[in-house]
Amino acid sequence: MGLTQKRIEKLNTPGRYSDGHQLYLQVQSRTNKSWLFRYTIGGRERFMGLGPLHTIGLEEARERARQARKTLLDGADPLAVRAAQAAQRALEAARTITFEAAAKTYYESHEASWKNAKHRQQFLNTLKTYVFPKIGKLPVADIDTGLVLKCVEPIWHDKTETANRTRGRIEAVLDWATVRNYRKGDNPARWRGHLSEVLPARGKIQKTNHHPALPIDEVPAFMTALREQQGVAARALEFTILTAARTAETVGARWSEIDFSNATWTIPAGRMKASKEHRVPLSKPVLHVLRDVLREKNNPFVFIGPYKAGLSNMAMAATLQRMDRSDITVHSIRSTFRTWAGERTAHPVHVIEQALAHSIGTKVERAYARGDLFTKRARLMGDWAKYCYSKPIEAGAKIVSIRGRK
């Protein structure tokens, strides 16, 4: 061997000094010395840096040179091999993403497709509450069944619905991570054939609580009482009941969607649960409600909240509270309409379901059913309005307009 530690310390003149076996010490100054491996491949001379002297000592430099010679002996270029190894490490580093980062990226890429604002809010909230504190900082590639159970099992019996929604959100994030090549293998959060073997089914531990609905026979009296209520929320609730609409469809209603001349409310696909445009026939009582609503200039919303935007989702529920009807919900009145139409009328089921904007039949059947049964639905909604107001208003009953609203 040509070099010793003492000699290396004395080498300060710039140049390359051989240690033998293709290893050189390159000296640029007294404080700048590094190791080089010199080799020839394909008739071309190449130098590969092995590290600075202040970090790589003589013995380690010799070992690195020996590994480079073995690479050459195997028929590979040491520089090309090192570049490939560096690229692989960079790729692995790029693929290292925490569960929390994966969940937030998944949320950002899907948020726009979720029409339900409550669903958008709950997606991250449940993960922040039950998942991120336990596995949020772990690489998404390392999430296994035990870690998923660590998040959902503690709340599975007491908060079954929340636990299942949380499990589903973990599953969605892990599926996304797999497609993005951040992880491999089966999804440890899947239910069927996996967690179903560990956790009891929801139906065995959770009672199904349907929203309490307004009894059919109470509808006329309820509508009479509702007409006596002041405020835009009361008119919005009346409108919702008469059209059998969903809350989100009503609070987002815009004047541009209302066609008074054809008695039609056209809800665009972007605001419908099924992402399909829905035409609603407007009965005469609905048109009266709309004409009673104060239309504000330059405000597109039909039912305006306190901040000049659409009503909040809770405004109509608050009206029910003021009427001492906390025993029912706004959405459940759609069930009342469905029960009335099915039990008290002869209107066909498919017409009733279309009025509720429900998907009817198989995909193939829906593909051939191009019409929306508008004329038949108009008769149905007219009958519903007549029933809603079938109870005579008692003498002296006060019907309050909202035109005086400031």
Protein backbone atom coordinates (compact mmCIF):
# COMPACT_ATOMS: atom_id res chain seq x y z
CA MET A 1 0.00 0.00 0.00
CA GLY A 2 1.38 3.36 -0.98
CA LEU A 3 -0.19 5.58 1.66
CA THR A 4 -0.02 5.76 5.45
CA GLN A 5 -1.76 8.04 7.88
CA LYS A 6 1.44 9.99 8.58
CA ARG A 7 2.17 10.47 4.90
CA ILE A 8 -1.39 11.60 4.24
CA GLU A 9 -1.06 14.29 6.91
CA LYS A 10 2.09 15.61 5.22
CA LEU A 11 0.64 15.69 1.68
CA ASN A 12 -0.30 19.33 1.01
CA THR A 13 0.92 19.81 -2.55
CA PRO A 14 -1.97 19.65 -5.05
CA GLY A 15 -2.07 16.42 -7.05
CA ARG A 16 -3.21 12.79 -7.01
CA TYR A 17 -1.39 10.27 -4.85
CA SER A 18 -1.83 6.55 -5.47
CA ASP A 19 -2.57 4.08 -2.68
CA GLY A 20 -2.57 1.22 -5.16
CA HIS A 21 -5.38 -0.90 -6.55
CA GLN A 22 -6.90 2.12 -8.38
CA LEU A 23 -7.38 4.21 -5.18
CA TYR A 24 -6.07 7.78 -5.16
CA LEU A 25 -5.97 10.62 -2.66
CA GLN A 26 -6.68 13.87 -4.45
CA VAL A 27 -5.13 16.90 -2.76
CA GLN A 28 -6.31 20.36 -3.72
CA SER A 29 -5.01 22.15 -0.63
CA ARG A 30 -3.96 21.45 2.92
CA THR A 31 -7.60 21.40 4.03
CA ASN A 32 -9.18 19.99 0.89
CA LYS A 33 -8.40 16.30 0.34
CA SER A 34 -10.66 13.56 -1.03
CA TRP A 35 -10.62 9.99 -2.35
CA LEU A 36 -10.95 8.90 -5.97
CA PHE A 37 -11.40 5.51 -7.58
CA ARG A 38 -9.86 5.39 -11.05
CA TYR A 39 -11.06 2.81 -13.53
CA THR A 40 -11.50 2.21 -17.25
CA ILE A 41 -14.69 0.85 -18.82
CA GLY A 42 -15.45 0.60 -22.50
CA GLY A 43 -12.05 2.10 -23.27
CA ARG A 44 -12.95 5.25 -21.29
CA GLU A 45 -11.14 6.43 -18.17
CA ARG A 46 -13.45 7.41 -15.31
CA PHE A 47 -13.00 8.71 -11.76
CA MET A 48 -15.52 8.04 -9.01
CA GLY A 49 -15.44 10.12 -5.84
CA LEU A 50 -15.40 8.09 -2.62
CA GLY A 51 -15.76 10.94 -0.15
CA PRO A 52 -13.67 13.65 1.58
CA LEU A 53 -10.76 12.72 3.81
CA HIS A 54 -12.25 14.47 6.85
CA THR A 55 -15.19 12.03 6.66
CA ILE A 56 -13.76 8.90 5.01
CA GLY A 57 -10.55 7.54 6.53
CA LEU A 58 -7.88 5.47 4.77
CA GLU A 59 -9.28 2.05 5.71
CA GLU A 60 -12.82 2.94 4.73
CA ALA A 61 -11.60 4.39 1.43
CA ARG A 62 -9.81 1.12 0.70
CA GLU A 63 -13.01 -0.85 1.46
CA ARG A 64 -15.05 1.39 -0.85
CA ALA A 65 -12.48 0.92 -3.58
CA ARG A 66 -12.63 -2.85 -3.06
CA GLN A 67 -16.45 -2.80 -3.47
CA ALA A 68 -16.04 -0.77 -6.68
CA ARG A 69 -13.57 -3.33 -8.04
CA LYS A 70 -16.08 -6.13 -7.29
CA THR A 71 -18.73 -4.20 -9.22
CA LEU A 72 -16.37 -3.95 -12.18
CA LEU A 73 -15.62 -7.65 -11.89
CA ASP A 74 -19.36 -8.34 -12.14
CA GLY A 75 -19.41 -6.41 -15.41
CA ALA A 76 -21.14 -3.26 -14.15
CA ASP A 77 -20.11 0.39 -14.09
CA PRO A 78 -19.65 1.52 -10.45
CA LEU A 79 -20.82 5.08 -11.24
CA ALA A 80 -23.94 3.80 -13.03
CA VAL A 81 -24.72 1.44 -10.16
CA ARG A 82 -24.36 4.22 -7.62
CA ALA A 83 -26.60 6.53 -9.66
CA ALA A 84 -29.25 3.80 -9.87
CA GLN A 85 -29.06 3.23 -6.11
CA ALA A 86 -29.44 6.96 -5.46
CA ALA A 87 -32.45 7.12 -7.78
CA GLN A 88 -34.04 4.17 -5.96
CA ARG A 89 -33.54 5.83 -2.59
CA ALA A 90 -35.05 9.05 -3.91
CA LEU A 91 -38.02 7.11 -5.24
CA GLU A 92 -38.54 5.36 -1.94
CA ALA A 93 -38.33 8.67 -0.10
CA ALA A 94 -40.91 10.16 -2.47
CA ARG A 95 -43.17 7.23 -1.75
CA THR A 96 -42.93 7.76 1.98
CA ILE A 97 -46.07 9.65 2.97
CA THR A 98 -47.82 9.69 6.32
CA PHE A 99 -51.41 8.59 6.73
CA GLU A 100 -52.40 12.13 7.70
CA ALA A 101 -50.79 13.62 4.60
CA ALA A 102 -52.42 10.95 2.42
CA ALA A 103 -55.84 11.62 3.98
CA LYS A 104 -55.58 15.38 3.43
CA THR A 105 -54.44 14.92 -0.17
CA TYR A 106 -57.31 12.48 -0.77
CA TYR A 107 -59.74 14.99 0.75
CA GLU A 108 -58.47 17.86 -1.40
CA SER A 109 -58.78 15.81 -4.59
CA HIS A 110 -62.34 14.63 -3.81
CA GLU A 111 -63.82 17.61 -1.94
CA ALA A 112 -65.27 19.25 -5.04
CA SER A 113 -67.21 16.10 -5.97
CA TRP A 114 -69.00 15.94 -2.60
CA LYS A 115 -72.16 18.05 -2.84
CA ASN A 116 -73.09 17.51 0.80
CA ALA A 117 -71.33 20.18 2.90
CA LYS A 118 -71.91 18.18 6.07
CA HIS A 119 -70.18 15.15 4.54
CA ARG A 120 -67.20 17.28 3.52
CA GLN A 121 -66.88 18.63 7.04
CA GLN A 122 -67.29 15.26 8.75
CA PHE A 123 -64.72 13.48 6.58
CA LEU A 124 -61.70 15.22 8.08
CA ASN A 125 -63.30 15.82 11.48
CA THR A 126 -63.73 12.11 12.23
CA LEU A 127 -60.18 11.39 11.10
CA LYS A 128 -58.80 14.24 13.23
CA THR A 129 -60.69 12.95 16.25
CA TYR A 130 -60.26 9.20 16.04
CA VAL A 131 -57.43 8.45 13.61
CA PHE A 132 -54.72 11.12 13.29
CA PRO A 133 -53.77 11.07 17.01
CA LYS A 134 -53.07 7.32 16.75
CA ILE A 135 -51.71 6.66 13.27
CA GLY A 136 -51.55 10.05 11.53
CA LYS A 137 -47.76 10.37 11.70
CA LEU A 138 -47.06 6.80 10.58
CA PRO A 139 -46.13 6.02 6.95
CA VAL A 140 -49.24 5.02 5.06
CA ALA A 141 -47.33 1.97 3.83
CA ASP A 142 -47.07 0.68 7.42
CA ILE A 143 -50.78 0.79 8.28
CA ASP A 144 -51.98 -2.72 9.07
CA THR A 145 -55.08 -4.34 10.53
CA GLY A 146 -53.95 -3.87 14.11
CA LEU A 147 -53.54 -0.13 13.63
CA VAL A 148 -56.94 0.20 11.95
CA LEU A 149 -58.56 -1.65 14.85
CA LYS A 150 -56.72 0.62 17.27
CA CYS A 151 -58.71 3.50 15.77
CA VAL A 152 -62.20 2.02 15.38
CA GLU A 153 -62.51 -0.76 17.95
CA PRO A 154 -62.68 1.53 21.04
CA ILE A 155 -65.80 3.28 19.63
CA TRP A 156 -67.37 0.36 17.75
CA HIS A 157 -69.96 -0.46 20.43
CA ASP A 158 -70.75 3.02 21.77
CA LYS A 159 -70.56 5.02 18.53
CA THR A 160 -71.18 2.32 15.96
CA GLU A 161 -72.28 4.53 13.07
CA THR A 162 -69.40 6.96 13.59
CA ALA A 163 -66.95 4.06 13.92
CA ASN A 164 -68.14 2.51 10.67
CA ARG A 165 -67.95 5.80 8.80
CA THR A 166 -64.43 6.28 10.17
CA ARG A 167 -63.47 2.78 9.03
CA GLY A 168 -64.84 3.52 5.57
CA ARG A 169 -62.82 6.72 5.36
CA ILE A 170 -59.64 4.92 6.39
CA GLU A 171 -60.38 2.33 3.71
CA ALA A 172 -60.85 5.04 1.07
CA VAL A 173 -57.56 6.73 1.97
CA LEU A 174 -55.65 3.42 1.89
CA ASP A 175 -57.21 2.49 -1.47
CA TRP A 176 -56.08 5.87 -2.83
CA ALA A 177 -52.57 5.30 -1.43
CA THR A 178 -52.39 1.88 -3.10
CA VAL A 179 -53.38 3.27 -6.50
CA ARG A 180 -50.80 6.04 -6.03
CA ASN A 181 -48.19 3.37 -5.30
CA TYR A 182 -47.57 4.60 -1.74
CA ARG A 183 -48.41 1.17 -0.35
CA LYS A 184 -48.93 -2.42 -1.48
CA GLY A 185 -51.11 -5.34 -0.51
CA ASP A 186 -54.70 -5.76 0.63
CA ASN A 187 -56.59 -2.99 2.34
CA PRO A 188 -56.55 -3.66 6.11
CA ALA A 189 -59.65 -1.49 6.65
CA ARG A 190 -61.96 -3.43 4.34
CA TRP A 191 -65.04 -4.89 6.02
CA ARG A 192 -66.21 -7.93 4.05
CA GLY A 193 -64.10 -11.00 4.67
CA HIS A 194 -61.70 -9.13 6.92
CA LEU A 195 -62.80 -6.81 9.74
CA SER A 196 -66.19 -8.52 9.63
CA GLU A 197 -64.42 -11.52 11.18
CA VAL A 198 -63.19 -9.42 14.12
CA LEU A 199 -65.90 -6.84 14.84
CA PRO A 200 -69.60 -7.59 15.40
CA ALA A 201 -71.93 -6.50 12.60
CA ARG A 202 -73.59 -3.13 13.15
CA GLY A 203 -77.04 -4.67 12.97
CA LYS A 204 -76.31 -6.80 16.04
CA ILE A 205 -75.22 -3.94 18.28
CA GLN A 206 -76.94 -0.89 16.84
CA LYS A 207 -80.65 -0.22 16.83
CA THR A 208 -81.97 1.37 13.66
CA ASN A 209 -83.48 4.73 14.54
CA HIS A 210 -85.54 6.11 11.68
CA HIS A 211 -86.31 9.81 11.69
CA PRO A 212 -89.74 10.31 13.28
CA ALA A 213 -92.23 11.27 10.58
CA LEU A 214 -95.34 13.41 10.70
CA PRO A 215 -98.41 11.12 10.78
CA ILE A 216 -100.46 11.39 7.58
CA ASP A 217 -103.66 12.42 9.35
CA GLU A 218 -101.88 15.32 11.09
CA VAL A 219 -100.64 16.90 7.86
CA PRO A 220 -103.56 19.30 7.20
CA ALA A 221 -103.59 20.63 10.77
CA PHE A 222 -99.80 20.94 10.74
CA MET A 223 -99.87 22.93 7.49
CA THR A 224 -102.50 25.25 8.92
CA ALA A 225 -100.27 25.88 11.93
CA LEU A 226 -97.25 26.35 9.69
CA ARG A 227 -98.99 29.06 7.65
CA GLU A 228 -99.39 31.02 10.86
CA GLN A 229 -95.63 31.06 11.44
CA GLN A 230 -93.66 34.17 10.63
CA GLY A 231 -90.40 34.29 8.77
CA VAL A 232 -88.64 33.13 5.64
CA ALA A 233 -87.73 29.77 7.22
CA ALA A 234 -91.42 28.95 7.71
CA ARG A 235 -92.12 29.70 4.02
CA ALA A 236 -89.10 27.61 3.05
CA LEU A 237 -90.47 24.71 5.11
CA GLU A 238 -93.89 25.08 3.49
CA PHE A 239 -92.23 25.10 0.07
CA THR A 240 -90.16 22.01 0.98
CA ILE A 241 -93.20 20.04 2.10
CA LEU A 242 -95.30 20.95 -0.94
CA THR A 243 -92.52 20.00 -3.37
CA ALA A 244 -91.26 16.95 -1.38
CA ALA A 245 -87.77 18.38 -1.81
CA ARG A 246 -84.67 17.78 0.24
CA THR A 247 -83.44 20.46 2.63
CA ALA A 248 -80.30 21.21 0.59
CA GLU A 249 -82.36 21.63 -2.58
CA THR A 250 -84.62 24.20 -0.93
CA VAL A 251 -82.00 26.30 0.85
CA GLY A 252 -79.99 26.47 -2.36
CA ALA A 253 -82.98 27.35 -4.57
CA ARG A 254 -82.38 30.31 -6.89
CA TRP A 255 -84.85 32.52 -8.72
CA SER A 256 -83.20 31.62 -12.03
CA GLU A 257 -84.42 28.05 -11.48
CA ILE A 258 -88.07 29.10 -11.11
CA ASP A 259 -90.25 29.33 -14.21
CA PHE A 260 -93.56 30.90 -13.13
CA SER A 261 -95.13 30.75 -16.59
CA ASN A 262 -94.66 26.97 -16.81
CA ALA A 263 -94.97 26.34 -13.05
CA THR A 264 -91.63 24.54 -12.98
CA TRP A 265 -88.62 24.50 -10.67
CA THR A 266 -85.56 23.11 -12.48
CA ILE A 267 -82.83 22.02 -10.10
CA PRO A 268 -79.44 21.67 -11.86
CA ALA A 269 -77.55 18.39 -11.67
CA GLY A 270 -74.83 19.93 -9.52
CA ARG A 271 -77.27 20.42 -6.64
CA MET A 272 -78.99 17.05 -6.87
CA LYS A 273 -78.01 13.98 -4.85
CA ALA A 274 -78.11 11.81 -7.98
CA SER A 275 -76.16 14.42 -10.02
CA LYS A 276 -79.00 14.59 -12.52
CA GLU A 277 -81.16 17.61 -13.40
CA HIS A 278 -84.58 17.40 -11.74
CA ARG A 279 -87.72 19.27 -12.81
CA VAL A 280 -90.28 19.86 -10.09
CA PRO A 281 -93.90 20.72 -11.03
CA LEU A 282 -95.14 23.61 -8.90
CA SER A 283 -98.73 23.46 -7.68
CA LYS A 284 -100.75 26.65 -7.21
CA PRO A 285 -100.12 26.79 -3.43
CA VAL A 286 -96.36 26.58 -4.09
CA LEU A 287 -96.59 29.48 -6.53
CA HIS A 288 -98.48 31.45 -3.86
CA VAL A 289 -95.66 30.76 -1.39
CA LEU A 290 -93.07 31.98 -3.89
CA ARG A 291 -95.03 35.13 -4.65
CA ASP A 292 -95.23 35.84 -0.93
CA VAL A 293 -91.47 35.66 -0.55
CA LEU A 294 -89.71 39.00 -0.63
CA ARG A 295 -87.43 39.02 -3.66
CA GLU A 296 -84.31 41.06 -3.05
CA LYS A 297 -82.60 42.80 -5.93
CA ASN A 298 -79.21 41.33 -6.92
CA ASN A 299 -79.68 38.34 -4.59
CA PRO A 300 -80.09 35.05 -6.46
CA PHE A 301 -81.48 33.02 -3.54
CA VAL A 302 -85.19 32.43 -3.11
CA PHE A 303 -85.01 31.95 0.65
CA ILE A 304 -82.51 34.42 2.07
CA GLY A 305 -80.74 33.94 5.39
CA PRO A 306 -79.57 36.62 7.82
CA TYR A 307 -76.24 37.02 5.97
CA LYS A 308 -77.86 37.62 2.56
CA ALA A 309 -77.01 34.10 1.43
CA GLY A 310 -79.18 31.01 1.33
CA LEU A 311 -80.75 29.74 4.56
CA SER A 312 -78.72 27.48 6.78
CA ASN A 313 -79.59 23.79 6.87
CA MET A 314 -80.93 24.25 10.42
CA ALA A 315 -83.31 27.15 9.72
CA MET A 316 -86.33 24.98 8.93
CA ALA A 317 -85.54 22.65 11.83
CA ALA A 318 -85.63 25.72 14.07
CA THR A 319 -89.14 26.46 12.78
CA LEU A 320 -90.24 23.00 13.88
CA GLN A 321 -88.77 23.72 17.31
CA ARG A 322 -90.76 26.95 17.57
CA MET A 323 -93.89 24.99 16.66
CA ASP A 324 -93.12 22.52 19.50
CA ARG A 325 -92.71 19.76 16.91
CA SER A 326 -89.31 18.44 17.95
CA ASP A 327 -90.83 14.97 17.50
CA ILE A 328 -90.35 15.20 13.71
CA THR A 329 -87.62 16.27 11.30
CA VAL A 330 -87.73 18.20 8.05
CA HIS A 331 -86.39 15.28 6.02
CA SER A 332 -88.86 12.83 7.55
CA ILE A 333 -91.78 14.72 5.99
CA ARG A 334 -90.63 13.26 2.67
CA SER A 335 -91.47 9.90 4.25
CA THR A 336 -94.90 11.26 5.15
CA PHE A 337 -95.43 12.25 1.52
CA ARG A 338 -94.26 8.80 0.35
CA THR A 339 -96.61 7.03 2.76
CA TRP A 340 -99.56 9.26 1.83
CA ALA A 341 -98.98 8.77 -1.91
CA GLY A 342 -98.61 5.01 -1.53
CA GLU A 343 -101.49 4.39 0.86
CA ARG A 344 -104.03 7.12 0.09
CA THR A 345 -103.73 7.54 -3.69
CA ALA A 346 -103.70 5.43 -6.84
CA HIS A 347 -100.66 7.15 -8.33
CA PRO A 348 -98.13 4.58 -9.69
CA VAL A 349 -95.10 3.82 -7.55
CA HIS A 350 -92.65 4.87 -10.26
CA VAL A 351 -94.31 8.29 -10.47
CA ILE A 352 -94.07 8.70 -6.69
CA GLU A 353 -90.40 7.67 -6.68
CA GLN A 354 -89.66 10.07 -9.52
CA ALA A 355 -91.29 12.87 -7.53
CA LEU A 356 -88.84 12.12 -4.72
CA ALA A 357 -85.94 12.16 -7.23
CA HIS A 358 -85.16 8.54 -6.47
CA SER A 359 -83.40 6.30 -9.01
CA ILE A 360 -85.91 3.89 -10.54
CA GLY A 361 -85.15 0.41 -11.87
CA THR A 362 -81.85 -0.99 -13.10
CA LYS A 363 -79.22 0.96 -15.03
CA VAL A 364 -80.49 -0.55 -18.26
CA GLU A 365 -84.09 0.39 -17.46
CA ARG A 366 -83.04 3.94 -16.57
CA ALA A 367 -81.10 4.21 -19.83
CA TYR A 368 -84.30 3.57 -21.82
CA ALA A 369 -86.56 5.66 -19.58
CA ARG A 370 -85.66 9.06 -21.01
CA GLY A 371 -88.79 10.91 -19.82
CA ASP A 372 -89.27 12.35 -16.34
CA LEU A 373 -93.06 11.75 -16.06
CA PHE A 374 -93.54 15.47 -15.50
CA THR A 375 -97.24 15.61 -16.41
CA LYS A 376 -98.09 12.68 -14.16
CA ARG A 377 -96.00 14.12 -11.35
CA ALA A 378 -97.78 17.46 -11.72
CA ARG A 379 -101.10 15.71 -11.00
CA LEU A 380 -99.53 13.93 -8.02
CA MET A 381 -98.14 17.14 -6.52
CA GLY A 382 -101.45 18.89 -7.13
CA ASP A 383 -103.25 16.17 -5.16
CA TRP A 384 -100.64 16.45 -2.39
CA ALA A 385 -101.17 20.21 -2.12
CA LYS A 386 -104.95 19.74 -1.94
CA TYR A 387 -104.51 17.23 0.87
CA CYS A 388 -102.08 19.46 2.74
CA TYR A 389 -104.66 22.25 2.81
CA SER A 390 -107.74 20.05 3.10
CA LYS A 391 -108.49 21.18 6.66
CA PRO A 392 -110.48 24.43 6.65
CA ILE A 393 -108.65 27.28 8.30
CA GLU A 394 -110.47 28.13 11.50
CA ALA A 395 -112.18 31.49 11.82
CA GLY A 396 -109.79 34.16 12.97
CA ALA A 397 -106.68 32.16 12.07
CA LYS A 398 -103.90 34.52 11.14
CA ILE A 399 -101.85 33.85 8.00
CA VAL A 400 -98.64 35.86 8.28
CA SER A 401 -96.88 37.22 5.24
CA ILE A 402 -93.13 37.88 5.29
CA ARG A 403 -93.35 40.91 3.05
CA GLY A 404 -92.98 43.16 6.06
CA ARG A 405 -89.55 41.70 6.80
CA LYS A 406 -86.80 44.30 6.93
